[in-house]
Amino acid sequence: MWPDQGALDQALKQIASYPPLVFAGEARSLQAGLAQVCAGKAFLLQAGDCAESFEDFSANNIRDKLRVILQMAVVLTYSLGVPTIKVGRMAGQFAKPRSSDTEKIDNREIPSFRGHIVNDPAPTENARIPDPDRLVQAYNQSASTLNLVRAFVKGGFADLSRVHAWTQEFVGSSPEGQRYEQMATEIERALRFMRACGVDTENTATLHEADVYTSHEALLLGYEESLTRQDSLTGQWYDCSAHMLWVGERTRQLDGAHIEFLRGVGNPLGCKIGPSTSVDFVLELCQVLNPARAPGRLTLISRMGADKVETALRPLLRAVRDSGHPVVWACDPMHGNTFTSVGGRKTRHFDDIIREIAGFVNAHRLEGTWPGGIHVELTGDNVTECLGGADDLTDADLDDRYQTVCDPRLNARQGLDLAFGVAELIRSSGFA
């Protein structure tokens, strides 16, 4: 893929000399949280951009994305009565797998756009030439993003006393925003009650800070290897590009390079599984990626499609349950429900997203397992990329603010609406 091997080697050598983006201890903390999800005592919210952009990088974008993740987490925690483990698709989610090396634009065939970490989205031959300098730029942007996220979540932005302040104007004016405001008022009342009972809420760190971890698809192995470090405390190797890495449907071959790399690092791992995934494959995957059967090590992310999820998922749930492998089960309700709109835009319908989560939850109810989380693509911006939701976006609305560099994302209103919907589905199924 890279036309200049010398330039690629130089870029990777440069990244290898840089500090790690995350630390092994943080990855272990995430795994401990995910172990609670395995036990049915926590819920995983993994959310963020389909693909991060070099062009739309700003403090406001990071803040707004973090804000909707915090809002959704509060809704889920308050409604389900268990902690929400927050993992962002951020600070490294730049590369996109493509089924074809080329794409057609205006009847011209040019190399595919593979994410800003590889090439430029401009529809020209020159723009699509892979540029290794973009790897270095991706590292630098990831470092800046992480720095800001850490400052926000540890510096007061994530304080539960600020739940009202997390509401953006375009969200607050919506029915789901008003419902959130009612919940925020109840939370503030509960905090006042705790203080009245003598509870020292001012010095209880969990009320004022939050842990938000990062994740991305481990697609470019050269980049991942250049950020792999040996932990000085345990001697184990960790991929310090993110707290959690996952492998997608296109690269999850058991004898492939991506699985081979991931099984050698200590990070929590994820793997996407589609409707054609067999029981034998899933059981072997569990053995390869988590032979020690450590709770929280492996998350299986189903992306089945709303019409297939319940039937396709149940045999996998049953087999993994009976094998004794401790896994987190999460639902990606986005990728199996993508279609092209009448106007030619790639989109998803909110109703299909909810239907897939409903099927996912029901499959777990029938098999006696815990529907441990959701994995969604969203933004804090007021985009119009997915149909439906409380605003009932239609084909005609898509052109208004269709801004994604790859796949369609939920906007902040739809994200909050989704959190309420997920909580209701899980509670109505008897899990909470």
Protein backbone atom coordinates (compact mmCIF):
# COMPACT_ATOMS: atom_id res chain seq x y z
CA MET A 1 0.00 0.00 0.00
CA TRP A 2 2.78 2.44 0.89
CA PRO A 3 4.70 3.44 -2.26
CA ASP A 4 7.85 4.65 -0.46
CA GLN A 5 9.13 2.01 1.96
CA GLY A 6 12.00 4.24 3.11
CA ALA A 7 9.64 7.06 4.07
CA LEU A 8 7.37 4.58 5.87
CA ASP A 9 10.28 3.14 7.85
CA GLN A 10 11.39 6.65 8.84
CA ALA A 11 7.91 7.65 10.01
CA LEU A 12 7.50 4.49 12.09
CA LYS A 13 10.97 4.93 13.59
CA GLN A 14 10.02 8.47 14.56
CA ILE A 15 6.80 7.30 16.25
CA ALA A 16 8.67 4.52 18.05
CA SER A 17 10.91 7.17 19.64
CA TYR A 18 7.93 9.12 20.99
CA PRO A 19 6.32 8.59 24.43
CA PRO A 20 3.45 6.11 24.72
CA LEU A 21 -0.02 7.57 24.26
CA VAL A 22 -1.51 5.49 27.09
CA PHE A 23 -0.04 3.46 29.90
CA ALA A 24 -0.19 -0.22 30.78
CA GLY A 25 -1.74 0.51 34.17
CA GLU A 26 -4.61 2.33 32.50
CA ALA A 27 -5.23 -0.63 30.21
CA ARG A 28 -5.31 -2.91 33.24
CA SER A 29 -7.82 -0.60 34.93
CA LEU A 30 -10.05 -0.82 31.87
CA GLN A 31 -9.79 -4.61 31.92
CA ALA A 32 -10.85 -4.62 35.57
CA GLY A 33 -13.91 -2.57 34.61
CA LEU A 34 -14.70 -4.91 31.74
CA ALA A 35 -14.37 -7.86 34.12
CA GLN A 36 -17.28 -6.30 36.01
CA VAL A 37 -19.21 -6.22 32.73
CA CYS A 38 -18.44 -9.93 32.30
CA ALA A 39 -20.00 -10.54 35.69
CA GLY A 40 -23.14 -8.57 34.81
CA LYS A 41 -22.22 -5.83 37.28
CA ALA A 42 -21.41 -3.04 34.79
CA PHE A 43 -22.31 -1.91 31.26
CA LEU A 44 -19.99 -0.95 28.39
CA LEU A 45 -20.60 2.19 26.35
CA GLN A 46 -18.16 2.35 23.42
CA ALA A 47 -18.86 5.34 21.22
CA GLY A 48 -17.33 7.94 18.94
CA ASP A 49 -16.49 8.81 15.36
CA CYS A 50 -16.57 6.30 12.54
CA ALA A 51 -13.23 7.81 11.48
CA GLU A 52 -11.49 10.78 13.04
CA SER A 53 -10.58 13.66 10.79
CA PHE A 54 -7.49 15.85 10.49
CA GLU A 55 -9.65 18.64 9.07
CA ASP A 56 -12.32 18.84 11.80
CA PHE A 57 -9.93 18.61 14.73
CA SER A 58 -10.71 21.13 17.47
CA ALA A 59 -11.18 21.41 21.22
CA ASN A 60 -14.89 22.09 20.71
CA ASN A 61 -15.39 18.88 18.70
CA ILE A 62 -13.62 16.81 21.34
CA ARG A 63 -15.59 18.46 24.15
CA ASP A 64 -18.94 17.96 22.41
CA LYS A 65 -18.23 14.30 21.66
CA LEU A 66 -17.16 13.73 25.25
CA ARG A 67 -20.25 15.53 26.49
CA VAL A 68 -22.70 13.24 24.69
CA ILE A 69 -20.77 10.16 25.91
CA LEU A 70 -21.02 11.44 29.50
CA GLN A 71 -24.72 12.17 29.06
CA MET A 72 -25.42 8.72 27.68
CA ALA A 73 -23.39 7.14 30.48
CA VAL A 74 -25.39 9.00 33.13
CA VAL A 75 -28.66 7.83 31.59
CA LEU A 76 -27.45 4.22 31.47
CA THR A 77 -25.98 4.24 34.98
CA TYR A 78 -29.02 5.92 36.54
CA SER A 79 -31.47 3.66 34.72
CA LEU A 80 -29.65 0.32 35.04
CA GLY A 81 -28.18 0.80 38.51
CA VAL A 82 -24.70 -0.40 37.48
CA PRO A 83 -21.53 1.51 36.54
CA THR A 84 -21.04 2.41 32.88
CA ILE A 85 -17.56 1.75 31.50
CA LYS A 86 -16.89 4.56 29.02
CA VAL A 87 -14.67 3.83 26.01
CA GLY A 88 -14.33 6.38 23.21
CA ARG A 89 -13.66 5.65 19.57
CA MET A 90 -11.15 8.49 19.65
CA ALA A 91 -7.47 9.43 19.79
CA GLY A 92 -6.53 6.86 17.15
CA GLN A 93 -9.60 5.89 15.07
CA PHE A 94 -8.21 7.25 11.80
CA ALA A 95 -7.89 4.21 9.52
CA LYS A 96 -10.81 2.65 7.66
CA PRO A 97 -10.86 -0.83 6.14
CA ARG A 98 -12.04 -0.89 2.55
CA SER A 99 -13.43 -3.81 0.59
CA SER A 100 -11.94 -2.53 -2.65
CA ASP A 101 -8.62 -0.88 -3.51
CA THR A 102 -10.45 1.58 -5.77
CA GLU A 103 -13.71 3.52 -5.87
CA LYS A 104 -15.66 5.30 -8.61
CA ILE A 105 -16.25 9.05 -8.39
CA ASP A 106 -17.91 10.82 -11.33
CA ASN A 107 -17.25 7.77 -13.52
CA ARG A 108 -13.52 7.93 -12.66
CA GLU A 109 -11.85 5.06 -10.84
CA ILE A 110 -9.33 6.24 -8.23
CA PRO A 111 -7.67 4.65 -5.19
CA SER A 112 -9.97 4.28 -2.18
CA PHE A 113 -9.86 6.71 0.73
CA ARG A 114 -8.46 4.74 3.68
CA GLY A 115 -8.74 7.33 6.43
CA HIS A 116 -6.73 10.46 7.16
CA ILE A 117 -3.91 8.41 8.65
CA VAL A 118 -3.22 7.03 5.14
CA ASN A 119 -4.37 9.44 2.42
CA ASP A 120 -6.54 12.45 1.64
CA PRO A 121 -10.28 12.23 0.89
CA ALA A 122 -10.03 14.68 -2.05
CA PRO A 123 -11.18 12.81 -5.19
CA THR A 124 -7.89 12.98 -7.12
CA GLU A 125 -5.18 10.45 -7.90
CA ASN A 126 -2.49 12.46 -6.11
CA ALA A 127 -4.58 12.98 -2.97
CA ARG A 128 -5.13 9.24 -2.64
CA ILE A 129 -1.40 8.37 -2.63
CA PRO A 130 -0.59 6.97 0.86
CA ASP A 131 1.65 9.39 2.77
CA PRO A 132 3.65 8.05 5.77
CA ASP A 133 3.89 11.54 7.27
CA ARG A 134 0.21 11.16 8.06
CA LEU A 135 1.11 8.44 10.59
CA VAL A 136 3.12 11.00 12.55
CA GLN A 137 0.29 13.52 12.28
CA ALA A 138 -2.14 10.90 13.60
CA TYR A 139 0.11 10.30 16.62
CA ASN A 140 0.32 14.02 17.35
CA GLN A 141 -3.44 14.52 17.04
CA SER A 142 -4.06 11.50 19.26
CA ALA A 143 -1.72 12.91 21.90
CA SER A 144 -3.53 16.27 21.82
CA THR A 145 -6.93 14.58 22.02
CA LEU A 146 -5.90 12.45 24.98
CA ASN A 147 -4.43 15.45 26.75
CA LEU A 148 -7.70 17.35 26.42
CA VAL A 149 -9.90 14.38 27.37
CA ARG A 150 -7.84 13.78 30.51
CA ALA A 151 -8.05 17.46 31.42
CA PHE A 152 -11.83 17.45 30.97
CA VAL A 153 -12.64 14.28 32.91
CA LYS A 154 -10.23 14.98 35.78
CA GLY A 155 -10.57 18.77 35.87
CA GLY A 156 -14.23 19.21 36.74
CA PHE A 157 -16.04 18.84 33.41
CA ALA A 158 -17.26 15.34 34.36
CA ASP A 159 -18.44 16.44 37.82
CA LEU A 160 -21.92 15.02 38.50
CA SER A 161 -22.97 18.42 39.81
CA ARG A 162 -22.60 19.64 36.22
CA VAL A 163 -25.09 17.23 34.66
CA HIS A 164 -27.29 20.15 33.60
CA ALA A 165 -24.33 21.91 31.97
CA TRP A 166 -23.69 18.95 29.66
CA THR A 167 -26.80 19.72 27.62
CA GLN A 168 -26.20 21.49 24.31
CA GLU A 169 -28.82 23.94 23.11
CA PHE A 170 -30.04 21.83 20.18
CA VAL A 171 -30.32 18.80 22.48
CA GLY A 172 -32.04 20.60 25.34
CA SER A 173 -34.90 21.75 23.14
CA SER A 174 -35.81 18.17 22.20
CA PRO A 175 -38.13 15.74 24.05
CA GLU A 176 -35.20 13.48 24.98
CA GLY A 177 -33.27 16.54 26.17
CA GLN A 178 -36.14 17.53 28.44
CA ARG A 179 -36.31 13.99 29.76
CA TYR A 180 -32.58 14.17 30.47
CA GLU A 181 -33.06 17.46 32.32
CA GLN A 182 -35.61 15.79 34.60
CA MET A 183 -33.12 13.03 35.34
CA ALA A 184 -30.39 15.60 36.00
CA THR A 185 -32.67 17.34 38.51
CA GLU A 186 -33.25 14.02 40.29
CA ILE A 187 -29.49 13.41 40.45
CA GLU A 188 -28.90 16.86 41.95
CA ARG A 189 -31.65 16.21 44.50
CA ALA A 190 -30.01 12.89 45.42
CA LEU A 191 -26.64 14.63 45.89
CA ARG A 192 -28.25 17.21 48.20
CA PHE A 193 -29.88 14.37 50.16
CA MET A 194 -26.50 12.62 50.55
CA ARG A 195 -24.93 15.83 51.85
CA ALA A 196 -27.82 16.34 54.25
CA CYS A 197 -27.20 12.82 55.60
CA GLY A 198 -23.58 13.71 56.30
CA VAL A 199 -21.99 12.04 53.28
CA ASP A 200 -18.82 13.91 52.26
CA THR A 201 -19.70 14.37 48.61
CA GLU A 202 -17.05 17.06 48.11
CA ASN A 203 -14.18 14.64 48.69
CA THR A 204 -15.65 11.64 46.91
CA ALA A 205 -13.61 11.53 43.71
CA THR A 206 -16.03 9.31 41.79
CA LEU A 207 -18.65 12.07 41.96
CA HIS A 208 -16.33 14.67 40.47
CA GLU A 209 -14.17 12.74 38.00
CA ALA A 210 -14.68 10.06 35.37
CA ASP A 211 -12.57 7.47 33.61
CA VAL A 212 -12.88 7.62 29.83
CA TYR A 213 -10.73 5.17 27.91
CA THR A 214 -9.74 5.18 24.24
CA SER A 215 -10.04 2.53 21.55
CA HIS A 216 -9.65 2.03 17.82
CA GLU A 217 -9.47 -0.69 15.24
CA ALA A 218 -5.94 -2.10 15.07
CA LEU A 219 -5.73 -1.94 11.30
CA LEU A 220 -2.27 -0.53 10.46
CA LEU A 221 0.05 -2.98 12.19
CA GLY A 222 3.18 -0.92 11.53
CA TYR A 223 1.71 1.97 13.50
CA GLU A 224 0.53 -0.34 16.30
CA GLU A 225 3.91 -2.07 16.54
CA SER A 226 5.76 1.24 16.73
CA LEU A 227 3.73 2.11 19.85
CA THR A 228 4.08 -1.27 21.54
CA ARG A 229 6.06 -1.05 24.79
CA GLN A 230 7.17 -3.45 27.52
CA ASP A 231 5.58 -2.65 30.86
CA SER A 232 8.25 -2.03 33.50
CA LEU A 233 6.06 -3.43 36.29
CA THR A 234 4.93 -6.72 34.76
CA GLY A 235 7.30 -7.24 31.84
CA GLN A 236 4.29 -7.74 29.58
CA TRP A 237 3.94 -6.00 26.22
CA TYR A 238 1.17 -3.45 25.66
CA ASP A 239 0.06 -1.58 22.55
CA CYS A 240 0.23 1.95 23.96
CA SER A 241 -1.65 3.56 21.05
CA ALA A 242 -4.96 3.00 22.92
CA HIS A 243 -6.36 1.32 26.00
CA MET A 244 -8.43 -1.13 23.94
CA LEU A 245 -7.90 -2.43 20.41
CA TRP A 246 -10.32 -4.31 18.24
CA VAL A 247 -10.12 -6.33 15.04
CA GLY A 248 -12.77 -6.06 12.35
CA GLU A 249 -14.61 -8.55 10.18
CA ARG A 250 -12.13 -8.12 7.32
CA THR A 251 -8.98 -8.82 9.35
CA ARG A 252 -10.01 -11.36 12.00
CA GLN A 253 -8.54 -14.44 10.34
CA LEU A 254 -7.25 -16.80 13.03
CA ASP A 255 -4.02 -17.38 11.14
CA GLY A 256 -3.71 -13.73 10.07
CA ALA A 257 -1.25 -11.06 11.13
CA HIS A 258 -3.79 -8.96 13.05
CA ILE A 259 -4.87 -11.74 15.40
CA GLU A 260 -1.24 -12.80 15.80
CA PHE A 261 -0.25 -9.28 16.83
CA LEU A 262 -3.16 -8.73 19.22
CA ARG A 263 -2.76 -11.99 21.07
CA GLY A 264 0.74 -10.86 22.05
CA VAL A 265 -0.27 -7.63 23.80
CA GLY A 266 -1.84 -7.22 27.22
CA ASN A 267 -4.57 -4.72 26.30
CA PRO A 268 -8.25 -5.54 26.49
CA LEU A 269 -9.27 -6.68 23.00
CA GLY A 270 -12.40 -6.66 20.90
CA CYS A 271 -13.47 -8.57 17.81
CA LYS A 272 -16.37 -7.81 15.47
CA ILE A 273 -18.51 -10.80 14.53
CA GLY A 274 -21.15 -10.89 11.79
CA PRO A 275 -24.14 -13.10 11.01
CA SER A 276 -22.06 -15.71 9.17
CA THR A 277 -19.69 -16.27 12.12
CA SER A 278 -19.62 -19.90 13.18
CA VAL A 279 -19.63 -21.36 16.67
CA ASP A 280 -16.30 -23.10 16.01
CA PHE A 281 -14.67 -19.84 14.95
CA VAL A 282 -15.85 -17.96 18.05
CA LEU A 283 -14.68 -20.68 20.41
CA GLU A 284 -11.27 -20.86 18.74
CA LEU A 285 -11.03 -17.07 18.77
CA CYS A 286 -11.68 -17.04 22.51
CA GLN A 287 -8.95 -19.62 23.02
CA VAL A 288 -6.42 -17.78 20.85
CA LEU A 289 -7.00 -14.30 22.26
CA ASN A 290 -7.73 -15.26 25.86
CA PRO A 291 -6.20 -18.66 26.64
CA ALA A 292 -5.90 -17.74 30.34
CA ARG A 293 -9.63 -16.98 30.42
CA ALA A 294 -9.05 -13.64 32.11
CA PRO A 295 -12.35 -11.76 32.65
CA GLY A 296 -12.41 -8.46 30.75
CA ARG A 297 -9.70 -9.45 28.29
CA LEU A 298 -12.03 -10.13 25.33
CA THR A 299 -15.12 -8.30 24.08
CA LEU A 300 -17.14 -9.85 21.27
CA ILE A 301 -18.93 -7.12 19.30
CA SER A 302 -21.85 -8.47 17.29
CA ARG A 303 -22.81 -6.64 14.09
CA MET A 304 -25.55 -8.83 12.71
CA GLY A 305 -28.26 -6.56 11.27
CA ALA A 306 -31.65 -6.00 12.84
CA ASP A 307 -33.32 -8.87 10.98
CA LYS A 308 -30.65 -11.46 11.79
CA VAL A 309 -29.29 -10.67 15.23
CA GLU A 310 -31.50 -12.81 17.46
CA THR A 311 -31.30 -15.97 15.33
CA ALA A 312 -27.60 -15.64 14.50
CA LEU A 313 -26.45 -14.62 17.97
CA ARG A 314 -28.16 -17.20 20.17
CA PRO A 315 -26.02 -20.22 19.15
CA LEU A 316 -22.86 -18.16 19.78
CA LEU A 317 -24.06 -17.00 23.20
CA ARG A 318 -24.94 -20.56 24.14
CA ALA A 319 -21.62 -22.02 23.00
CA VAL A 320 -19.46 -19.42 24.71
CA ARG A 321 -21.51 -19.65 27.90
CA ASP A 322 -21.21 -23.44 27.99
CA SER A 323 -17.46 -23.30 27.26
CA GLY A 324 -16.82 -21.14 30.32
CA HIS A 325 -14.99 -18.42 28.41
CA PRO A 326 -15.55 -15.06 30.16
CA VAL A 327 -16.39 -12.52 27.45
CA VAL A 328 -18.10 -9.16 27.27
CA TRP A 329 -20.91 -9.20 24.72
CA ALA A 330 -21.50 -5.84 23.04
CA CYS A 331 -23.84 -4.87 20.22
CA ASP A 332 -22.74 -2.80 17.22
CA PRO A 333 -26.17 -1.90 15.80
CA MET A 334 -24.74 0.39 13.12
CA HIS A 335 -22.75 -1.57 10.55
CA GLY A 336 -25.28 -4.30 9.82
CA ASN A 337 -27.97 -1.72 9.07
CA THR A 338 -26.25 0.55 6.56
CA PHE A 339 -27.92 1.28 3.22
CA THR A 340 -27.91 3.89 0.47
CA SER A 341 -30.65 6.49 0.63
CA VAL A 342 -32.79 7.58 -2.32
CA GLY A 343 -30.48 10.58 -2.70
CA GLY A 344 -27.37 8.39 -2.83
CA ARG A 345 -26.13 8.99 0.73
CA LYS A 346 -24.90 6.10 2.88
CA THR A 347 -27.14 6.12 5.94
CA ARG A 348 -28.77 4.13 8.75
CA HIS A 349 -32.25 4.38 10.24
CA PHE A 350 -32.61 4.94 13.96
CA ASP A 351 -35.47 2.43 14.13
CA ASP A 352 -33.22 -0.32 12.69
CA ILE A 353 -30.52 0.53 15.23
CA ILE A 354 -33.03 0.18 18.07
CA ARG A 355 -34.42 -3.04 16.54
CA GLU A 356 -30.98 -4.63 16.46
CA ILE A 357 -30.35 -3.74 20.10
CA ALA A 358 -33.78 -5.15 20.98
CA GLY A 359 -32.91 -8.42 19.25
CA PHE A 360 -29.52 -8.46 20.97
CA VAL A 361 -31.10 -7.96 24.40
CA ASN A 362 -33.76 -10.59 23.76
CA ALA A 363 -31.18 -13.15 22.63
CA HIS A 364 -29.35 -12.65 25.92
CA ARG A 365 -32.60 -12.93 27.87
CA LEU A 366 -33.39 -16.24 26.22
CA GLU A 367 -29.88 -17.63 26.82
CA GLY A 368 -29.49 -16.31 30.35
CA THR A 369 -26.49 -14.11 29.56
CA TRP A 370 -25.78 -10.42 30.16
CA PRO A 371 -26.18 -7.95 27.25
CA GLY A 372 -23.03 -6.18 28.30
CA GLY A 373 -22.79 -3.11 26.10
CA ILE A 374 -23.23 -1.13 22.92
CA HIS A 375 -20.69 0.01 20.33
CA VAL A 376 -21.96 2.98 18.31
CA GLU A 377 -20.76 5.64 15.91
CA LEU A 378 -21.80 9.13 16.99
CA THR A 379 -20.74 12.75 17.22
CA GLY A 380 -21.59 15.64 19.48
CA ASP A 381 -22.39 17.79 16.46
CA ASN A 382 -25.85 18.53 15.07
CA VAL A 383 -25.32 16.44 11.94
CA THR A 384 -27.95 14.88 9.69
CA GLU A 385 -26.46 11.52 8.73
CA CYS A 386 -28.81 8.88 10.19
CA LEU A 387 -32.53 8.82 9.44
CA GLY A 388 -35.27 8.85 12.04
CA GLY A 389 -34.91 9.57 15.73
CA ALA A 390 -36.92 12.12 17.69
CA ASP A 391 -36.50 14.66 14.88
CA ASP A 392 -37.68 12.07 12.33
CA LEU A 393 -34.92 12.95 9.87
CA THR A 394 -35.79 11.98 6.29
CA ASP A 395 -33.89 11.54 3.02
CA ALA A 396 -34.49 15.20 2.30
CA ASP A 397 -32.64 16.20 5.50
CA LEU A 398 -29.46 14.25 4.83
CA ASP A 399 -27.88 16.91 2.63
CA ASP A 400 -28.28 19.59 5.32
CA ARG A 401 -25.32 18.61 7.50
CA TYR A 402 -23.86 15.36 6.17
CA GLN A 403 -20.27 15.82 7.38
CA THR A 404 -18.81 12.37 8.06
CA VAL A 405 -15.59 11.34 6.30
CA CYS A 406 -16.82 7.77 6.04
CA ASP A 407 -19.86 6.20 7.74
CA PRO A 408 -23.05 7.96 8.98
CA ARG A 409 -23.12 8.84 12.69
CA LEU A 410 -25.83 9.49 15.22
CA ASN A 411 -26.02 13.11 16.32
CA ALA A 412 -26.16 14.15 19.98
CA ARG A 413 -29.96 14.09 20.14
CA GLN A 414 -30.10 10.63 18.61
CA GLY A 415 -27.33 9.43 20.93
CA LEU A 416 -29.24 10.54 24.01
CA ASP A 417 -32.44 9.05 22.62
CA LEU A 418 -30.56 5.79 22.07
CA ALA A 419 -29.32 5.70 25.67
CA PHE A 420 -32.88 5.98 26.98
CA GLY A 421 -34.02 3.32 24.52
CA VAL A 422 -31.26 0.89 25.51
CA ALA A 423 -31.98 1.35 29.20
CA GLU A 424 -35.69 0.68 28.66
CA LEU A 425 -35.01 -2.44 26.60
CA ILE A 426 -32.72 -3.91 29.24
CA ARG A 427 -34.98 -3.05 32.15
CA SER A 428 -38.12 -4.32 30.42
CA SER A 429 -36.33 -7.64 29.78
CA GLY A 430 -35.81 -8.13 33.50
CA PHE A 431 -32.07 -7.42 33.66
CA ALA A 432 -32.25 -4.32 35.90
